[in-house]
Amino acid sequence: MSNEPTHWTPVCAATDILPDTGVCALVDGVHVAIFHVGAAEQFFAIDNVDPKSQASVLSRGLVGSLGDRIVVASPLYKNHFDLRNGECLEAPQHSVRAHAVRVEQGRVHVALA
């Protein structure tokens, strides 16, 4: 049995997200933060709502790395969220969901976890 998501939602053109930034999209009623990381054309998606403040702001955070982890720092409380799995490095109880992302024919698609 495959773990491949079956419902993909087109969100935007890949070129709409500048490298090392994020955008917010409403995917099936869920606020999702989608990030374009570096020149390697990597895309990641996590829940956009900061669990500590309940504000939909993670897409506006600063993208960077801590060790070998690609993270976004929440603009409110500066907690770091791993873009691969949604883990909050400072407070794992505040982790968010990570969602599947793919780029097809120049468009970013997201499948909710």
PDB file of N, CA and C in Angstrom:
ATOM      1  N   MET A   1       0.844  -1.189   0.000  1.00  0.00           N
ATOM      2  CA  MET A   1       0.000   0.000   0.000  1.00  0.00           C
ATOM      3  C   MET A   1       0.887   1.248   0.000  1.00  0.00           C
ATOM      4  N   SER A   2       0.576   2.208  -0.830  1.00  0.00           N
ATOM      5  CA  SER A   2       1.387   3.412  -0.998  1.00  0.00           C
ATOM      6  C   SER A   2       0.990   4.487   0.005  1.00  0.00           C
ATOM      7  N   ASN A   3       2.002   5.243   0.449  1.00  0.00           N
ATOM      8  CA  ASN A   3       1.743   6.387   1.331  1.00  0.00           C
ATOM      9  C   ASN A   3       1.629   7.679   0.545  1.00  0.00           C
ATOM     10  N   GLU A   4       1.603   7.584  -0.770  1.00  0.00           N
ATOM     11  CA  GLU A   4       1.508   8.760  -1.639  1.00  0.00           C
ATOM     12  C   GLU A   4       0.156   9.442  -1.442  1.00  0.00           C
ATOM     13  N   PRO A   5       0.159  10.762  -1.172  1.00  0.00           N
ATOM     14  CA  PRO A   5      -1.123  11.476  -1.023  1.00  0.00           C
ATOM     15  C   PRO A   5      -1.957  11.357  -2.294  1.00  0.00           C
ATOM     16  N   THR A   6      -3.263  11.359  -2.112  1.00  0.00           N
ATOM     17  CA  THR A   6      -4.145  11.224  -3.266  1.00  0.00           C
ATOM     18  C   THR A   6      -4.819  12.535  -3.659  1.00  0.00           C
ATOM     19  N   HIS A   7      -4.885  13.497  -2.757  1.00  0.00           N
ATOM     20  CA  HIS A   7      -5.558  14.767  -3.065  1.00  0.00           C
ATOM     21  C   HIS A   7      -4.552  15.916  -3.039  1.00  0.00           C
ATOM     22  N   TRP A   8      -4.178  16.378  -4.215  1.00  0.00           N
ATOM     23  CA  TRP A   8      -3.229  17.494  -4.348  1.00  0.00           C
ATOM     24  C   TRP A   8      -3.991  18.747  -4.741  1.00  0.00           C
ATOM     25  N   THR A   9      -3.693  19.858  -4.077  1.00  0.00           N
ATOM     26  CA  THR A   9      -4.331  21.140  -4.364  1.00  0.00           C
ATOM     27  C   THR A   9      -3.311  22.073  -5.000  1.00  0.00           C
ATOM     28  N   PRO A  10      -3.573  22.566  -6.222  1.00  0.00           N
ATOM     29  CA  PRO A  10      -2.660  23.554  -6.814  1.00  0.00           C
ATOM     30  C   PRO A  10      -2.778  24.868  -6.042  1.00  0.00           C
ATOM     31  N   VAL A  11      -1.626  25.477  -5.753  1.00  0.00           N
ATOM     32  CA  VAL A  11      -1.619  26.678  -4.909  1.00  0.00           C
ATOM     33  C   VAL A  11      -1.200  27.917  -5.684  1.00  0.00           C
ATOM     34  N   CYS A  12      -0.054  27.846  -6.363  1.00  0.00           N
ATOM     35  CA  CYS A  12       0.469  29.019  -7.074  1.00  0.00           C
ATOM     36  C   CYS A  12       1.572  28.571  -8.012  1.00  0.00           C
ATOM     37  N   ALA A  13       2.064  29.491  -8.810  1.00  0.00           N
ATOM     38  CA  ALA A  13       3.234  29.210  -9.641  1.00  0.00           C
ATOM     39  C   ALA A  13       4.463  29.142  -8.745  1.00  0.00           C
ATOM     40  N   ALA A  14       5.378  28.253  -9.051  1.00  0.00           N
ATOM     41  CA  ALA A  14       6.606  28.138  -8.258  1.00  0.00           C
ATOM     42  C   ALA A  14       7.363  29.459  -8.229  1.00  0.00           C
ATOM     43  N   THR A  15       7.294  30.215  -9.307  1.00  0.00           N
ATOM     44  CA  THR A  15       8.003  31.500  -9.375  1.00  0.00           C
ATOM     45  C   THR A  15       7.344  32.586  -8.527  1.00  0.00           C
ATOM     46  N   ASP A  16       6.136  32.324  -8.020  1.00  0.00           N
ATOM     47  CA  ASP A  16       5.471  33.299  -7.150  1.00  0.00           C
ATOM     48  C   ASP A  16       6.089  33.351  -5.750  1.00  0.00           C
ATOM     49  N   ILE A  17       6.869  32.325  -5.399  1.00  0.00           N
ATOM     50  CA  ILE A  17       7.499  32.284  -4.074  1.00  0.00           C
ATOM     51  C   ILE A  17       8.990  32.511  -4.264  1.00  0.00           C
ATOM     52  N   LEU A  18       9.467  33.656  -3.831  1.00  0.00           N
ATOM     53  CA  LEU A  18      10.889  33.984  -3.963  1.00  0.00           C
ATOM     54  C   LEU A  18      11.723  33.037  -3.107  1.00  0.00           C
ATOM     55  N   PRO A  19      12.964  32.736  -3.519  1.00  0.00           N
ATOM     56  CA  PRO A  19      13.814  31.864  -2.712  1.00  0.00           C
ATOM     57  C   PRO A  19      13.973  32.393  -1.286  1.00  0.00           C
ATOM     58  N   ASP A  20      13.949  31.463  -0.344  1.00  0.00           N
ATOM     59  CA  ASP A  20      14.116  31.727   1.087  1.00  0.00           C
ATOM     60  C   ASP A  20      13.011  32.597   1.673  1.00  0.00           C
ATOM     61  N   THR A  21      11.817  32.459   1.109  1.00  0.00           N
ATOM     62  CA  THR A  21      10.634  33.120   1.663  1.00  0.00           C
ATOM     63  C   THR A  21       9.476  32.127   1.682  1.00  0.00           C
ATOM     64  N   GLY A  22       8.385  32.567   2.298  1.00  0.00           N
ATOM     65  CA  GLY A  22       7.191  31.739   2.351  1.00  0.00           C
ATOM     66  C   GLY A  22       5.954  32.533   1.975  1.00  0.00           C
ATOM     67  N   VAL A  23       4.897  31.797   1.656  1.00  0.00           N
ATOM     68  CA  VAL A  23       3.588  32.388   1.402  1.00  0.00           C
ATOM     69  C   VAL A  23       2.557  31.572   2.158  1.00  0.00           C
ATOM     70  N   CYS A  24       1.419  32.174   2.399  1.00  0.00           N
ATOM     71  CA  CYS A  24       0.321  31.476   3.056  1.00  0.00           C
ATOM     72  C   CYS A  24      -0.733  31.138   2.008  1.00  0.00           C
ATOM     73  N   ALA A  25      -1.327  29.955   2.139  1.00  0.00           N
ATOM     74  CA  ALA A  25      -2.412  29.552   1.248  1.00  0.00           C
ATOM     75  C   ALA A  25      -3.471  28.838   2.078  1.00  0.00           C
ATOM     76  N   LEU A  26      -4.701  28.959   1.645  1.00  0.00           N
ATOM     77  CA  LEU A  26      -5.795  28.233   2.274  1.00  0.00           C
ATOM     78  C   LEU A  26      -6.002  26.960   1.459  1.00  0.00           C
ATOM     79  N   VAL A  27      -5.695  25.826   2.060  1.00  0.00           N
ATOM     80  CA  VAL A  27      -5.804  24.528   1.388  1.00  0.00           C
ATOM     81  C   VAL A  27      -6.859  23.707   2.122  1.00  0.00           C
ATOM     82  N   ASP A  28      -7.985  23.490   1.475  1.00  0.00           N
ATOM     83  CA  ASP A  28      -9.083  22.727   2.077  1.00  0.00           C
ATOM     84  C   ASP A  28      -9.429  23.258   3.471  1.00  0.00           C
ATOM     85  N   GLY A  29      -9.447  24.580   3.616  1.00  0.00           N
ATOM     86  CA  GLY A  29      -9.828  25.208   4.879  1.00  0.00           C
ATOM     87  C   GLY A  29      -8.713  25.312   5.907  1.00  0.00           C
ATOM     88  N   VAL A  30      -7.503  24.895   5.565  1.00  0.00           N
ATOM     89  CA  VAL A  30      -6.367  24.925   6.487  1.00  0.00           C
ATOM     90  C   VAL A  30      -5.374  25.985   6.024  1.00  0.00           C
ATOM     91  N   HIS A  31      -4.912  26.825   6.963  1.00  0.00           N
ATOM     92  CA  HIS A  31      -3.878  27.818   6.657  1.00  0.00           C
ATOM     93  C   HIS A  31      -2.542  27.088   6.581  1.00  0.00           C
ATOM     94  N   VAL A  32      -1.927  27.104   5.393  1.00  0.00           N
ATOM     95  CA  VAL A  32      -0.677  26.396   5.160  1.00  0.00           C
ATOM     96  C   VAL A  32       0.395  27.405   4.756  1.00  0.00           C
ATOM     97  N   ALA A  33       1.582  27.259   5.351  1.00  0.00           N
ATOM     98  CA  ALA A  33       2.744  28.069   4.981  1.00  0.00           C
ATOM     99  C   ALA A  33       3.588  27.247   4.016  1.00  0.00           C
ATOM    100  N   ILE A  34       3.870  27.816   2.837  1.00  0.00           N
ATOM    101  CA  ILE A  34       4.653  27.129   1.815  1.00  0.00           C
ATOM    102  C   ILE A  34       5.944  27.910   1.615  1.00  0.00           C
ATOM    103  N   PHE A  35       7.064  27.207   1.689  1.00  0.00           N
ATOM    104  CA  PHE A  35       8.373  27.842   1.615  1.00  0.00           C
ATOM    105  C   PHE A  35       9.167  27.352   0.413  1.00  0.00           C
ATOM    106  N   HIS A  36       9.879  28.277  -0.203  1.00  0.00           N
ATOM    107  CA  HIS A  36      10.815  27.984  -1.293  1.00  0.00           C
ATOM    108  C   HIS A  36      12.195  28.221  -0.699  1.00  0.00           C
ATOM    109  N   VAL A  37      12.986  27.168  -0.606  1.00  0.00           N
ATOM    110  CA  VAL A  37      14.263  27.265   0.084  1.00  0.00           C
ATOM    111  C   VAL A  37      15.427  27.121  -0.887  1.00  0.00           C
ATOM    112  N   GLY A  38      16.247  28.160  -0.926  1.00  0.00           N
ATOM    113  CA  GLY A  38      17.516  28.146  -1.631  1.00  0.00           C
ATOM    114  C   GLY A  38      17.451  27.947  -3.126  1.00  0.00           C
ATOM    115  N   ALA A  39      18.637  27.940  -3.698  1.00  0.00           N
ATOM    116  CA  ALA A  39      18.771  27.788  -5.141  1.00  0.00           C
ATOM    117  C   ALA A  39      18.478  26.363  -5.586  1.00  0.00           C
ATOM    118  N   ALA A  40      18.399  25.427  -4.641  1.00  0.00           N
ATOM    119  CA  ALA A  40      18.148  24.025  -4.982  1.00  0.00           C
ATOM    120  C   ALA A  40      16.683  23.780  -5.342  1.00  0.00           C
ATOM    121  N   GLU A  41      15.873  24.837  -5.275  1.00  0.00           N
ATOM    122  CA  GLU A  41      14.456  24.721  -5.640  1.00  0.00           C
ATOM    123  C   GLU A  41      13.724  23.707  -4.777  1.00  0.00           C
ATOM    124  N   GLN A  42      13.966  23.747  -3.466  1.00  0.00           N
ATOM    125  CA  GLN A  42      13.243  22.892  -2.537  1.00  0.00           C
ATOM    126  C   GLN A  42      12.004  23.631  -2.053  1.00  0.00           C
ATOM    127  N   PHE A  43      10.908  22.908  -1.918  1.00  0.00           N
ATOM    128  CA  PHE A  43       9.668  23.474  -1.403  1.00  0.00           C
ATOM    129  C   PHE A  43       9.200  22.644  -0.218  1.00  0.00           C
ATOM    130  N   PHE A  44       8.701  23.337   0.811  1.00  0.00           N
ATOM    131  CA  PHE A  44       8.205  22.696   2.022  1.00  0.00           C
ATOM    132  C   PHE A  44       6.881  23.349   2.402  1.00  0.00           C
ATOM    133  N   ALA A  45       6.051  22.612   3.144  1.00  0.00           N
ATOM    134  CA  ALA A  45       4.793  23.176   3.627  1.00  0.00           C
ATOM    135  C   ALA A  45       4.539  22.683   5.046  1.00  0.00           C
ATOM    136  N   ILE A  46       4.148  23.619   5.908  1.00  0.00           N
ATOM    137  CA  ILE A  46       3.768  23.303   7.284  1.00  0.00           C
ATOM    138  C   ILE A  46       2.507  24.105   7.603  1.00  0.00           C
ATOM    139  N   ASP A  47       1.864  23.766   8.722  1.00  0.00           N
ATOM    140  CA  ASP A  47       0.735  24.588   9.173  1.00  0.00           C
ATOM    141  C   ASP A  47       1.226  26.015   9.359  1.00  0.00           C
ATOM    142  N   ASN A  48       0.399  26.987   9.022  1.00  0.00           N
ATOM    143  CA  ASN A  48       0.791  28.388   9.133  1.00  0.00           C
ATOM    144  C   ASN A  48       0.497  28.988  10.509  1.00  0.00           C
ATOM    145  N   VAL A  49      -0.357  28.352  11.284  1.00  0.00           N
ATOM    146  CA  VAL A  49      -0.760  28.905  12.583  1.00  0.00           C
ATOM    147  C   VAL A  49       0.303  28.584  13.629  1.00  0.00           C
ATOM    148  N   ASP A  50       0.847  29.633  14.249  1.00  0.00           N
ATOM    149  CA  ASP A  50       1.811  29.483  15.336  1.00  0.00           C
ATOM    150  C   ASP A  50       1.057  28.918  16.539  1.00  0.00           C
ATOM    151  N   PRO A  51       1.429  27.737  17.031  1.00  0.00           N
ATOM    152  CA  PRO A  51       0.661  27.119  18.112  1.00  0.00           C
ATOM    153  C   PRO A  51       0.680  27.908  19.420  1.00  0.00           C
ATOM    154  N   LYS A  52       1.727  28.691  19.636  1.00  0.00           N
ATOM    155  CA  LYS A  52       1.826  29.438  20.895  1.00  0.00           C
ATOM    156  C   LYS A  52       0.900  30.661  20.899  1.00  0.00           C
ATOM    157  N   SER A  53       0.806  31.367  19.766  1.00  0.00           N
ATOM    158  CA  SER A  53       0.005  32.593  19.712  1.00  0.00           C
ATOM    159  C   SER A  53      -1.342  32.390  19.032  1.00  0.00           C
ATOM    160  N   GLN A  54      -1.494  31.277  18.292  1.00  0.00           N
ATOM    161  CA  GLN A  54      -2.694  30.992  17.495  1.00  0.00           C
ATOM    162  C   GLN A  54      -2.879  31.986  16.342  1.00  0.00           C
ATOM    163  N   ALA A  55      -1.814  32.706  15.991  1.00  0.00           N
ATOM    164  CA  ALA A  55      -1.858  33.643  14.859  1.00  0.00           C
ATOM    165  C   ALA A  55      -1.334  32.939  13.610  1.00  0.00           C
ATOM    166  N   SER A  56      -1.913  33.263  12.478  1.00  0.00           N
ATOM    167  CA  SER A  56      -1.528  32.658  11.201  1.00  0.00           C
ATOM    168  C   SER A  56      -0.354  33.440  10.612  1.00  0.00           C
ATOM    169  N   VAL A  57       0.874  33.145  11.109  1.00  0.00           N
ATOM    170  CA  VAL A  57       2.031  33.981  10.778  1.00  0.00           C
ATOM    171  C   VAL A  57       3.296  33.246  10.362  1.00  0.00           C
ATOM    172  N   LEU A  58       3.346  31.941  10.427  1.00  0.00           N
ATOM    173  CA  LEU A  58       4.615  31.249  10.188  1.00  0.00           C
ATOM    174  C   LEU A  58       5.166  31.500   8.787  1.00  0.00           C
ATOM    175  N   SER A  59       4.295  31.730   7.816  1.00  0.00           N
ATOM    176  CA  SER A  59       4.778  31.995   6.450  1.00  0.00           C
ATOM    177  C   SER A  59       5.600  33.279   6.372  1.00  0.00           C
ATOM    178  N   ARG A  60       5.474  34.138   7.368  1.00  0.00           N
ATOM    179  CA  ARG A  60       6.220  35.409   7.385  1.00  0.00           C
ATOM    180  C   ARG A  60       7.527  35.311   8.165  1.00  0.00           C
ATOM    181  N   GLY A  61       7.842  34.123   8.675  1.00  0.00           N
ATOM    182  CA  GLY A  61       9.045  33.946   9.476  1.00  0.00           C
ATOM    183  C   GLY A  61      10.310  33.944   8.644  1.00  0.00           C
ATOM    184  N   LEU A  62      11.440  33.986   9.330  1.00  0.00           N
ATOM    185  CA  LEU A  62      12.750  33.976   8.677  1.00  0.00           C
ATOM    186  C   LEU A  62      13.185  32.540   8.426  1.00  0.00           C
ATOM    187  N   VAL A  63      13.553  32.254   7.176  1.00  0.00           N
ATOM    188  CA  VAL A  63      14.012  30.921   6.786  1.00  0.00           C
ATOM    189  C   VAL A  63      15.518  30.859   6.968  1.00  0.00           C
ATOM    190  N   GLY A  64      15.990  29.753   7.521  1.00  0.00           N
ATOM    191  CA  GLY A  64      17.425  29.575   7.713  1.00  0.00           C
ATOM    192  C   GLY A  64      17.725  28.135   8.051  1.00  0.00           C
ATOM    193  N   SER A  65      18.864  27.929   8.707  1.00  0.00           N
ATOM    194  CA  SER A  65      19.212  26.570   9.117  1.00  0.00           C
ATOM    195  C   SER A  65      19.832  26.607  10.505  1.00  0.00           C
ATOM    196  N   LEU A  66      19.605  25.530  11.224  1.00  0.00           N
ATOM    197  CA  LEU A  66      20.246  25.290  12.518  1.00  0.00           C
ATOM    198  C   LEU A  66      20.879  23.909  12.395  1.00  0.00           C
ATOM    199  N   GLY A  67      22.201  23.883  12.297  1.00  0.00           N
ATOM    200  CA  GLY A  67      22.872  22.615  12.015  1.00  0.00           C
ATOM    201  C   GLY A  67      22.456  22.143  10.637  1.00  0.00           C
ATOM    202  N   ASP A  68      21.995  20.903  10.558  1.00  0.00           N
ATOM    203  CA  ASP A  68      21.571  20.370   9.261  1.00  0.00           C
ATOM    204  C   ASP A  68      20.061  20.491   9.052  1.00  0.00           C
ATOM    205  N   ARG A  69      19.394  21.222   9.919  1.00  0.00           N
ATOM    206  CA  ARG A  69      17.949  21.373   9.818  1.00  0.00           C
ATOM    207  C   ARG A  69      17.574  22.681   9.122  1.00  0.00           C
ATOM    208  N   ILE A  70      16.639  22.594   8.179  1.00  0.00           N
ATOM    209  CA  ILE A  70      16.100  23.778   7.511  1.00  0.00           C
ATOM    210  C   ILE A  70      14.897  24.206   8.332  1.00  0.00           C
ATOM    211  N   VAL A  71      14.909  25.463   8.788  1.00  0.00           N
ATOM    212  CA  VAL A  71      13.892  25.917   9.728  1.00  0.00           C
ATOM    213  C   VAL A  71      13.300  27.260   9.316  1.00  0.00           C
ATOM    214  N   VAL A  72      12.163  27.562   9.937  1.00  0.00           N
ATOM    215  CA  VAL A  72      11.599  28.905   9.890  1.00  0.00           C
ATOM    216  C   VAL A  72      11.445  29.354  11.335  1.00  0.00           C
ATOM    217  N   ALA A  73      11.792  30.608  11.605  1.00  0.00           N
ATOM    218  CA  ALA A  73      11.638  31.178  12.940  1.00  0.00           C
ATOM    219  C   ALA A  73      10.330  31.951  12.974  1.00  0.00           C
ATOM    220  N   SER A  74       9.487  31.627  13.925  1.00  0.00           N
ATOM    221  CA  SER A  74       8.214  32.330  14.060  1.00  0.00           C
ATOM    222  C   SER A  74       8.477  33.817  14.272  1.00  0.00           C
ATOM    223  N   PRO A  75       7.738  34.680  13.560  1.00  0.00           N
ATOM    224  CA  PRO A  75       7.957  36.116  13.742  1.00  0.00           C
ATOM    225  C   PRO A  75       7.493  36.633  15.106  1.00  0.00           C
ATOM    226  N   LEU A  76       6.709  35.847  15.840  1.00  0.00           N
ATOM    227  CA  LEU A  76       6.217  36.320  17.130  1.00  0.00           C
ATOM    228  C   LEU A  76       7.086  35.870  18.298  1.00  0.00           C
ATOM    229  N   TYR A  77       7.250  34.566  18.482  1.00  0.00           N
ATOM    230  CA  TYR A  77       7.985  34.063  19.648  1.00  0.00           C
ATOM    231  C   TYR A  77       9.361  33.519  19.305  1.00  0.00           C
ATOM    232  N   LYS A  78       9.731  33.578  18.024  1.00  0.00           N
ATOM    233  CA  LYS A  78      11.056  33.167  17.543  1.00  0.00           C
ATOM    234  C   LYS A  78      11.331  31.680  17.715  1.00  0.00           C
ATOM    235  N   ASN A  79      10.305  30.857  17.982  1.00  0.00           N
ATOM    236  CA  ASN A  79      10.517  29.417  17.983  1.00  0.00           C
ATOM    237  C   ASN A  79      10.873  28.973  16.579  1.00  0.00           C
ATOM    238  N   HIS A  80      11.714  27.956  16.480  1.00  0.00           N
ATOM    239  CA  HIS A  80      12.158  27.439  15.188  1.00  0.00           C
ATOM    240  C   HIS A  80      11.398  26.161  14.858  1.00  0.00           C
ATOM    241  N   PHE A  81      10.848  26.100  13.640  1.00  0.00           N
ATOM    242  CA  PHE A  81      10.102  24.942  13.174  1.00  0.00           C
ATOM    243  C   PHE A  81      10.860  24.295  12.026  1.00  0.00           C
ATOM    244  N   ASP A  82      11.130  22.995  12.151  1.00  0.00           N
ATOM    245  CA  ASP A  82      11.803  22.232  11.108  1.00  0.00           C
ATOM    246  C   ASP A  82      10.847  22.119   9.924  1.00  0.00           C
ATOM    247  N   LEU A  83      11.282  22.563   8.751  1.00  0.00           N
ATOM    248  CA  LEU A  83      10.398  22.564   7.587  1.00  0.00           C
ATOM    249  C   LEU A  83      10.165  21.168   7.025  1.00  0.00           C
ATOM    250  N   ARG A  84      11.005  20.213   7.375  1.00  0.00           N
ATOM    251  CA  ARG A  84      10.818  18.844   6.871  1.00  0.00           C
ATOM    252  C   ARG A  84       9.724  18.095   7.623  1.00  0.00           C
ATOM    253  N   ASN A  85       9.615  18.361   8.945  1.00  0.00           N
ATOM    254  CA  ASN A  85       8.667  17.571   9.737  1.00  0.00           C
ATOM    255  C   ASN A  85       7.778  18.386  10.676  1.00  0.00           C
ATOM    256  N   GLY A  86       7.945  19.706  10.719  1.00  0.00           N
ATOM    257  CA  GLY A  86       7.107  20.565  11.548  1.00  0.00           C
ATOM    258  C   GLY A  86       7.483  20.635  13.017  1.00  0.00           C
ATOM    259  N   GLU A  87       8.556  19.948  13.401  1.00  0.00           N
ATOM    260  CA  GLU A  87       8.941  19.923  14.811  1.00  0.00           C
ATOM    261  C   GLU A  87       9.383  21.300  15.296  1.00  0.00           C
ATOM    262  N   CYS A  88       8.871  21.699  16.451  1.00  0.00           N
ATOM    263  CA  CYS A  88       9.316  22.930  17.106  1.00  0.00           C
ATOM    264  C   CYS A  88      10.545  22.569  17.931  1.00  0.00           C
ATOM    265  N   LEU A  89      11.701  23.150  17.596  1.00  0.00           N
ATOM    266  CA  LEU A  89      12.948  22.760  18.240  1.00  0.00           C
ATOM    267  C   LEU A  89      13.014  23.145  19.706  1.00  0.00           C
ATOM    268  N   GLU A  90      12.447  24.288  20.061  1.00  0.00           N
ATOM    269  CA  GLU A  90      12.521  24.750  21.448  1.00  0.00           C
ATOM    270  C   GLU A  90      11.462  24.098  22.347  1.00  0.00           C
ATOM    271  N   ALA A  91      10.323  23.772  21.773  1.00  0.00           N
ATOM    272  CA  ALA A  91       9.207  23.230  22.563  1.00  0.00           C
ATOM    273  C   ALA A  91       8.449  22.217  21.698  1.00  0.00           C
ATOM    274  N   PRO A  92       8.892  20.954  21.691  1.00  0.00           N
ATOM    275  CA  PRO A  92       8.272  19.957  20.819  1.00  0.00           C
ATOM    276  C   PRO A  92       6.748  19.850  20.962  1.00  0.00           C
ATOM    277  N   GLN A  93       6.214  20.227  22.107  1.00  0.00           N
ATOM    278  CA  GLN A  93       4.758  20.187  22.289  1.00  0.00           C
ATOM    279  C   GLN A  93       4.050  21.228  21.417  1.00  0.00           C
ATOM    280  N   HIS A  94       4.790  22.170  20.844  1.00  0.00           N
ATOM    281  CA  HIS A  94       4.226  23.194  19.959  1.00  0.00           C
ATOM    282  C   HIS A  94       4.497  22.889  18.477  1.00  0.00           C
ATOM    283  N   SER A  95       4.852  21.649  18.169  1.00  0.00           N
ATOM    284  CA  SER A  95       5.121  21.275  16.776  1.00  0.00           C
ATOM    285  C   SER A  95       3.865  21.419  15.924  1.00  0.00           C
ATOM    286  N   VAL A  96       4.064  21.579  14.628  1.00  0.00           N
ATOM    287  CA  VAL A  96       2.967  21.712  13.670  1.00  0.00           C
ATOM    288  C   VAL A  96       3.059  20.569  12.655  1.00  0.00           C
ATOM    289  N   ARG A  97       2.022  20.405  11.867  1.00  0.00           N
ATOM    290  CA  ARG A  97       2.036  19.361  10.843  1.00  0.00           C
ATOM    291  C   ARG A  97       2.851  19.819   9.634  1.00  0.00           C
ATOM    292  N   ALA A  98       3.546  18.889   9.028  1.00  0.00           N
ATOM    293  CA  ALA A  98       4.226  19.123   7.755  1.00  0.00           C
ATOM    294  C   ALA A  98       3.373  18.468   6.666  1.00  0.00           C
ATOM    295  N   HIS A  99       3.294  19.119   5.527  1.00  0.00           N
ATOM    296  CA  HIS A  99       2.463  18.650   4.423  1.00  0.00           C
ATOM    297  C   HIS A  99       3.321  18.332   3.208  1.00  0.00           C
ATOM    298  N   ALA A 100       2.832  17.442   2.368  1.00  0.00           N
ATOM    299  CA  ALA A 100       3.546  17.078   1.149  1.00  0.00           C
ATOM    300  C   ALA A 100       3.439  18.211   0.128  1.00  0.00           C
ATOM    301  N   VAL A 101       4.537  18.452  -0.585  1.00  0.00           N
ATOM    302  CA  VAL A 101       4.580  19.491  -1.621  1.00  0.00           C
ATOM    303  C   VAL A 101       5.232  18.894  -2.865  1.00  0.00           C
ATOM    304  N   ARG A 102       4.714  19.270  -4.009  1.00  0.00           N
ATOM    305  CA  ARG A 102       5.368  18.901  -5.262  1.00  0.00           C
ATOM    306  C   ARG A 102       5.180  20.036  -6.253  1.00  0.00           C
ATOM    307  N   VAL A 103       6.083  20.107  -7.208  1.00  0.00           N
ATOM    308  CA  VAL A 103       5.987  21.105  -8.274  1.00  0.00           C
ATOM    309  C   VAL A 103       5.805  20.330  -9.576  1.00  0.00           C
ATOM    310  N   GLU A 104       4.730  20.652 -10.277  1.00  0.00           N
ATOM    311  CA  GLU A 104       4.434  20.032 -11.565  1.00  0.00           C
ATOM    312  C   GLU A 104       4.124  21.116 -12.571  1.00  0.00           C
ATOM    313  N   GLN A 105       4.800  21.063 -13.681  1.00  0.00           N
ATOM    314  CA  GLN A 105       4.598  22.030 -14.758  1.00  0.00           C
ATOM    315  C   GLN A 105       4.636  23.465 -14.234  1.00  0.00           C
ATOM    316  N   GLY A 106       5.582  23.716 -13.311  1.00  0.00           N
ATOM    317  CA  GLY A 106       5.801  25.065 -12.802  1.00  0.00           C
ATOM    318  C   GLY A 106       4.821  25.524 -11.739  1.00  0.00           C
ATOM    319  N   ARG A 107       3.925  24.631 -11.280  1.00  0.00           N
ATOM    320  CA  ARG A 107       2.942  24.997 -10.251  1.00  0.00           C
ATOM    321  C   ARG A 107       3.191  24.198  -8.979  1.00  0.00           C
ATOM    322  N   VAL A 108       3.040  24.874  -7.845  1.00  0.00           N
ATOM    323  CA  VAL A 108       3.198  24.234  -6.533  1.00  0.00           C
ATOM    324  C   VAL A 108       1.862  23.609  -6.138  1.00  0.00           C
ATOM    325  N   HIS A 109       1.922  22.336  -5.711  1.00  0.00           N
ATOM    326  CA  HIS A 109       0.752  21.607  -5.243  1.00  0.00           C
ATOM    327  C   HIS A 109       1.013  21.135  -3.815  1.00  0.00           C
ATOM    328  N   VAL A 110      -0.022  21.147  -2.975  1.00  0.00           N
ATOM    329  CA  VAL A 110       0.089  20.719  -1.586  1.00  0.00           C
ATOM    330  C   VAL A 110      -0.953  19.640  -1.309  1.00  0.00           C
ATOM    331  N   ALA A 111      -0.529  18.626  -0.544  1.00  0.00           N
ATOM    332  CA  ALA A 111      -1.447  17.606  -0.047  1.00  0.00           C
ATOM    333  C   ALA A 111      -1.368  17.644   1.469  1.00  0.00           C
ATOM    334  N   LEU A 112      -2.483  17.846   2.122  1.00  0.00           N
ATOM    335  CA  LEU A 112      -2.510  17.939   3.574  1.00  0.00           C
ATOM    336  C   LEU A 112      -2.126  16.609   4.206  1.00  0.00           C
ATOM    337  N   ALA A 113      -1.429  16.713   5.349  1.00  0.00           N
ATOM    338  CA  ALA A 113      -1.019  15.510   6.098  1.00  0.00           C
ATOM    339  C   ALA A 113      -2.219  14.889   6.784  1.00  0.00           C
TER     340      ALA A 113
END
